[in-house]
Amino acid sequence: MSAVHEIDVATIESKLPLEGEHLEALQRMKTLDAYYAWSIDLLRPWIGNRVLDAGCGIGNGTALLAEQAQYVLAADLSPQNVQELRSRFANKPSVEPIQLDLDSDFTTITDRKIDTIVCLDVLEHIEDDVQLLRRFHSIAQPDAHLLIKVPAVKWLYGSVDTASGHFRRYALQELRDKAKQAGWEPLSVRWMNAFGVLPYWFKSRVQKRQANLSRTFSPWQLTMIRKAMPWMQRIDRIVGPPIGQSAVLVAKRID
């Protein structure tokens, strides 16, 4: 299945002013496969057969979703990312890469019969986030699930967020409330990655680094983080952290 989605070049340029830096950050994050596995593991019980991976970047999470779902619609605004997706999943017919502006209507994908919407670290980039959640609702099947991960803890907001194009960080109750406003029933909202709070605070609020978080680490530091990630995940699961660098929402579509 394929489709042509025409998006105005000026629209792309206005929304992706730092596309080269963002692509570099995604490529660096590709080495942290354990981080994506951790995110997907938290959501796995609710992943259905037909998934929209909204704002999927270069498909770091898409690859894991495709191991479980029968079909994944891998959608991103960036032409560079979509090109990378087509190359990466050329031999994976169950993955359909498309260019999609999350600020536009979703009429071009209403026929995909989506039963799961995954949106990992994307909602914070959208100025009208509730409207996007409503768009998700409009194309989702009855009883579909919405699976979201966003940056959390409002007082962490700083230079790394602004450099990354974040409009906000989220409180748990805020995430619940916005899901409800858009026609979703929250089933669970939880913290993720308590260990990331202090380093993020230091880099963003103290050092005031003007770069995406992954670009503030050296290659060897990323390697060490990758090795520590499974242990961080285990401790997070056992302890049930009272705070986290991220928040994870699971919600169900209601009419």
Protein backbone atom coordinates (compact mmCIF):
# COMPACT_ATOMS: atom_id res chain seq x y z
CA MET A 1 0.00 0.00 0.00
CA SER A 2 1.39 3.39 -0.90
CA ALA A 3 0.24 6.95 -1.20
CA VAL A 4 1.61 10.31 -2.26
CA HIS A 5 1.32 13.02 0.37
CA GLU A 6 2.02 16.53 -0.96
CA ILE A 7 3.30 18.88 1.74
CA ASP A 8 4.35 22.46 1.07
CA VAL A 9 8.15 22.89 1.21
CA ALA A 10 7.83 26.14 3.17
CA THR A 11 5.77 24.29 5.77
CA ILE A 12 8.51 21.70 6.18
CA GLU A 13 11.26 24.31 6.45
CA SER A 14 9.34 26.33 9.04
CA LYS A 15 8.77 23.27 11.23
CA LEU A 16 12.18 21.70 10.75
CA PRO A 17 14.61 24.64 10.95
CA LEU A 18 17.31 22.40 12.46
CA GLU A 19 16.60 19.26 10.47
CA GLY A 20 20.28 18.37 10.05
CA GLU A 21 20.92 18.55 13.79
CA HIS A 22 17.73 16.62 14.52
CA LEU A 23 18.72 13.87 12.08
CA GLU A 24 22.15 13.67 13.72
CA ALA A 25 20.48 13.31 17.11
CA LEU A 26 18.27 10.49 15.79
CA GLN A 27 21.29 8.72 14.33
CA ARG A 28 23.06 8.96 17.69
CA MET A 29 19.96 7.66 19.47
CA LYS A 30 19.97 4.69 17.09
CA THR A 31 22.89 3.35 19.12
CA LEU A 32 20.70 3.37 22.25
CA ASP A 33 18.57 0.47 21.10
CA ALA A 34 18.02 -0.53 24.74
CA TYR A 35 16.28 2.81 25.36
CA TYR A 36 13.77 2.19 22.58
CA ALA A 37 13.30 -1.39 23.78
CA TRP A 38 12.54 -0.06 27.27
CA SER A 39 9.93 2.36 25.89
CA ILE A 40 8.24 -0.28 23.75
CA ASP A 41 8.32 -2.85 26.58
CA LEU A 42 6.22 -0.51 28.73
CA LEU A 43 3.65 -0.28 25.93
CA ARG A 44 3.77 -3.80 24.53
CA PRO A 45 0.59 -5.18 26.20
CA TRP A 46 -1.51 -2.61 24.32
CA ILE A 47 0.12 -2.82 20.89
CA GLY A 48 -2.41 -4.12 18.38
CA ASN A 49 -2.21 -5.32 14.80
CA ARG A 50 -2.38 -2.04 12.87
CA VAL A 51 -0.17 0.68 14.28
CA LEU A 52 0.42 4.33 13.45
CA ASP A 53 3.91 5.35 14.57
CA ALA A 54 3.40 9.12 14.55
CA GLY A 55 6.50 11.27 14.18
CA CYS A 56 8.63 8.15 13.99
CA GLY A 57 11.88 9.83 12.92
CA ILE A 58 14.17 7.30 11.24
CA GLY A 59 12.30 4.32 12.64
CA ASN A 60 14.22 3.46 15.78
CA GLY A 61 10.97 2.54 17.51
CA THR A 62 9.24 1.42 14.31
CA ALA A 63 11.58 -1.56 13.98
CA LEU A 64 10.49 -2.85 17.38
CA LEU A 65 6.80 -2.22 16.70
CA ALA A 66 7.08 -4.16 13.44
CA GLU A 67 8.21 -7.24 15.38
CA GLN A 68 4.77 -7.42 17.00
CA ALA A 69 2.25 -5.64 14.75
CA GLN A 70 1.01 -6.93 11.42
CA TYR A 71 1.19 -3.44 9.89
CA VAL A 72 2.98 -0.24 10.89
CA LEU A 73 2.29 3.12 9.25
CA ALA A 74 5.58 4.94 9.84
CA ALA A 75 4.79 8.64 9.53
CA ASP A 76 7.14 11.61 9.71
CA LEU A 77 7.23 15.16 8.34
CA SER A 78 10.91 15.22 7.36
CA PRO A 79 11.69 14.17 3.75
CA GLN A 80 15.13 13.01 4.92
CA ASN A 81 13.59 10.79 7.57
CA VAL A 82 11.05 9.33 5.15
CA GLN A 83 13.83 8.54 2.69
CA GLU A 84 15.75 6.80 5.48
CA LEU A 85 12.60 4.86 6.45
CA ARG A 86 12.05 3.65 2.90
CA SER A 87 15.61 2.43 2.70
CA ARG A 88 15.62 0.87 6.15
CA PHE A 89 12.34 -1.03 5.67
CA ALA A 90 12.62 -1.76 1.95
CA ASN A 91 12.44 -5.49 2.66
CA LYS A 92 9.74 -5.17 5.31
CA PRO A 93 6.39 -4.93 3.46
CA SER A 94 4.46 -4.66 6.73
CA VAL A 95 5.97 -1.18 7.26
CA GLU A 96 4.59 1.68 5.16
CA PRO A 97 6.65 4.89 5.39
CA ILE A 98 4.76 8.09 4.59
CA GLN A 99 5.32 11.81 4.90
CA LEU A 100 2.71 13.29 7.22
CA ASP A 101 2.30 16.71 8.82
CA LEU A 102 0.86 16.13 12.28
CA ASP A 103 -0.56 19.66 12.25
CA SER A 104 -2.74 18.88 9.22
CA ASP A 105 -5.88 16.78 8.93
CA PHE A 106 -5.44 13.03 8.61
CA THR A 107 -7.90 12.42 5.76
CA THR A 108 -5.22 10.66 3.71
CA ILE A 109 -4.87 7.86 6.26
CA THR A 110 -8.45 7.29 7.39
CA ASP A 111 -8.59 4.02 5.42
CA ARG A 112 -5.71 2.38 7.34
CA LYS A 113 -7.96 1.00 10.12
CA ILE A 114 -5.51 1.94 12.86
CA ASP A 115 -6.07 0.19 16.21
CA THR A 116 -2.97 1.52 17.98
CA ILE A 117 -1.38 4.97 17.88
CA VAL A 118 2.17 5.24 19.15
CA CYS A 119 3.65 8.70 19.69
CA LEU A 120 7.10 8.65 21.29
CA ASP A 121 8.68 11.98 22.24
CA VAL A 122 6.63 13.91 19.69
CA LEU A 123 3.71 15.59 21.49
CA GLU A 124 6.00 18.15 23.12
CA HIS A 125 6.95 19.42 19.63
CA ILE A 126 3.32 20.25 18.78
CA GLU A 127 2.02 23.66 19.84
CA ASP A 128 -1.64 22.57 19.98
CA ASP A 129 -1.14 19.14 21.49
CA VAL A 130 -4.81 18.57 22.36
CA GLN A 131 -5.78 19.13 18.74
CA LEU A 132 -3.29 16.46 17.67
CA LEU A 133 -4.80 14.04 20.18
CA ARG A 134 -8.19 14.80 18.62
CA ARG A 135 -6.79 14.04 15.16
CA PHE A 136 -5.55 10.72 16.46
CA HIS A 137 -9.04 10.05 17.82
CA SER A 138 -10.61 10.85 14.44
CA ILE A 139 -8.71 8.13 12.55
CA ALA A 140 -8.58 5.46 15.27
CA GLN A 141 -10.77 2.38 15.29
CA PRO A 142 -13.30 1.92 18.13
CA ASP A 143 -11.51 0.75 21.30
CA ALA A 144 -8.14 1.72 19.81
CA HIS A 145 -5.26 2.45 22.18
CA LEU A 146 -3.16 5.60 22.37
CA LEU A 147 0.39 5.02 23.61
CA ILE A 148 2.42 8.13 24.34
CA LYS A 149 5.80 8.98 25.84
CA VAL A 150 6.72 12.60 26.54
CA PRO A 151 9.33 14.60 28.48
CA ALA A 152 8.19 15.00 32.07
CA VAL A 153 8.70 17.21 35.13
CA LYS A 154 7.96 20.83 34.30
CA TRP A 155 10.80 22.34 36.35
CA LEU A 156 13.32 20.45 34.21
CA TYR A 157 12.42 22.63 31.21
CA GLY A 158 15.53 24.46 30.03
CA SER A 159 17.99 25.09 27.24
CA VAL A 160 18.05 21.49 25.99
CA ASP A 161 14.28 21.62 25.56
CA THR A 162 14.33 24.88 23.62
CA ALA A 163 17.19 23.63 21.44
CA SER A 164 15.17 20.47 20.76
CA GLY A 165 12.05 22.40 19.75
CA HIS A 166 9.99 21.47 22.81
CA PHE A 167 7.01 23.65 23.66
CA ARG A 168 6.68 22.06 27.09
CA ARG A 169 7.39 19.24 29.50
CA TYR A 170 4.46 17.44 31.13
CA ALA A 171 3.03 16.73 34.55
CA LEU A 172 1.22 13.39 34.88
CA GLN A 173 -2.15 15.00 35.61
CA GLU A 174 -1.76 17.36 32.66
CA LEU A 175 -1.22 14.40 30.35
CA ARG A 176 -4.33 12.67 31.73
CA ASP A 177 -6.44 15.80 31.37
CA LYS A 178 -5.39 16.49 27.80
CA ALA A 179 -6.09 12.91 26.76
CA LYS A 180 -9.59 13.19 28.26
CA GLN A 181 -10.23 16.48 26.45
CA ALA A 182 -9.50 14.74 23.16
CA GLY A 183 -11.81 11.76 23.73
CA TRP A 184 -9.38 9.26 25.24
CA GLU A 185 -9.85 7.41 28.52
CA PRO A 186 -6.52 7.20 30.41
CA LEU A 187 -5.82 3.66 31.60
CA SER A 188 -2.42 4.35 33.13
CA VAL A 189 0.10 7.16 33.43
CA ARG A 190 3.52 6.54 34.92
CA TRP A 191 7.03 7.91 35.25
CA MET A 192 9.94 6.47 33.28
CA ASN A 193 13.69 6.82 33.76
CA ALA A 194 14.25 8.31 37.20
CA PHE A 195 18.00 8.05 36.63
CA GLY A 196 17.81 10.56 33.78
CA VAL A 197 16.42 13.41 35.88
CA LEU A 198 19.65 14.62 37.50
CA PRO A 199 21.85 14.52 34.34
CA TYR A 200 19.13 16.30 32.38
CA TRP A 201 18.76 18.98 35.05
CA PHE A 202 22.53 19.53 35.10
CA LYS A 203 22.92 19.79 31.31
CA SER A 204 19.79 21.84 30.68
CA ARG A 205 19.44 24.01 33.79
CA VAL A 206 23.02 24.35 35.06
CA GLN A 207 25.28 24.03 32.01
CA LYS A 208 22.51 25.42 29.77
CA ARG A 209 23.61 23.32 26.82
CA GLN A 210 22.09 24.43 23.52
CA ALA A 211 21.70 21.02 21.88
CA ASN A 212 19.50 17.95 21.76
CA LEU A 213 20.31 15.79 24.79
CA SER A 214 21.91 12.97 22.78
CA ARG A 215 24.32 15.49 21.22
CA THR A 216 25.63 16.51 24.65
CA PHE A 217 27.13 13.05 25.24
CA SER A 218 30.36 11.73 23.74
CA PRO A 219 30.33 8.37 21.89
CA TRP A 220 31.90 6.54 24.84
CA GLN A 221 29.34 8.07 27.21
CA LEU A 222 26.53 6.86 24.95
CA THR A 223 28.11 3.39 25.02
CA MET A 224 28.18 3.40 28.83
CA ILE A 225 24.56 4.58 28.98
CA ARG A 226 23.57 1.81 26.58
CA LYS A 227 25.20 -0.79 28.83
CA ALA A 228 23.55 0.63 31.95
CA MET A 229 20.09 0.92 30.38
CA PRO A 230 18.84 -2.64 31.14
CA TRP A 231 19.72 -2.18 34.82
CA MET A 232 18.03 1.21 34.90
CA GLN A 233 14.94 -0.41 33.40
CA ARG A 234 14.91 -3.22 35.97
CA ILE A 235 15.24 -0.83 38.91
CA ASP A 236 12.53 1.43 37.49
CA ARG A 237 10.20 -1.57 37.20
CA ILE A 238 10.90 -2.89 40.70
CA VAL A 239 10.89 0.41 42.59
CA GLY A 240 8.12 2.23 40.72
CA PRO A 241 9.87 5.63 40.52
CA PRO A 242 8.30 8.72 42.15
CA ILE A 243 9.73 10.88 39.36
CA GLY A 244 11.09 10.37 35.87
CA GLN A 245 12.66 12.13 32.92
CA SER A 246 9.70 10.88 30.87
CA ALA A 247 6.01 10.15 31.35
CA VAL A 248 4.18 7.27 29.65
CA LEU A 249 0.44 7.33 28.96
CA VAL A 250 -1.82 4.46 27.90
CA ALA A 251 -5.34 5.48 26.91
CA LYS A 252 -8.36 3.95 25.17
CA ARG A 253 -10.56 5.59 22.55
CA ILE A 254 -14.06 6.45 23.71
CA ASP A 255 -16.90 8.02 21.71
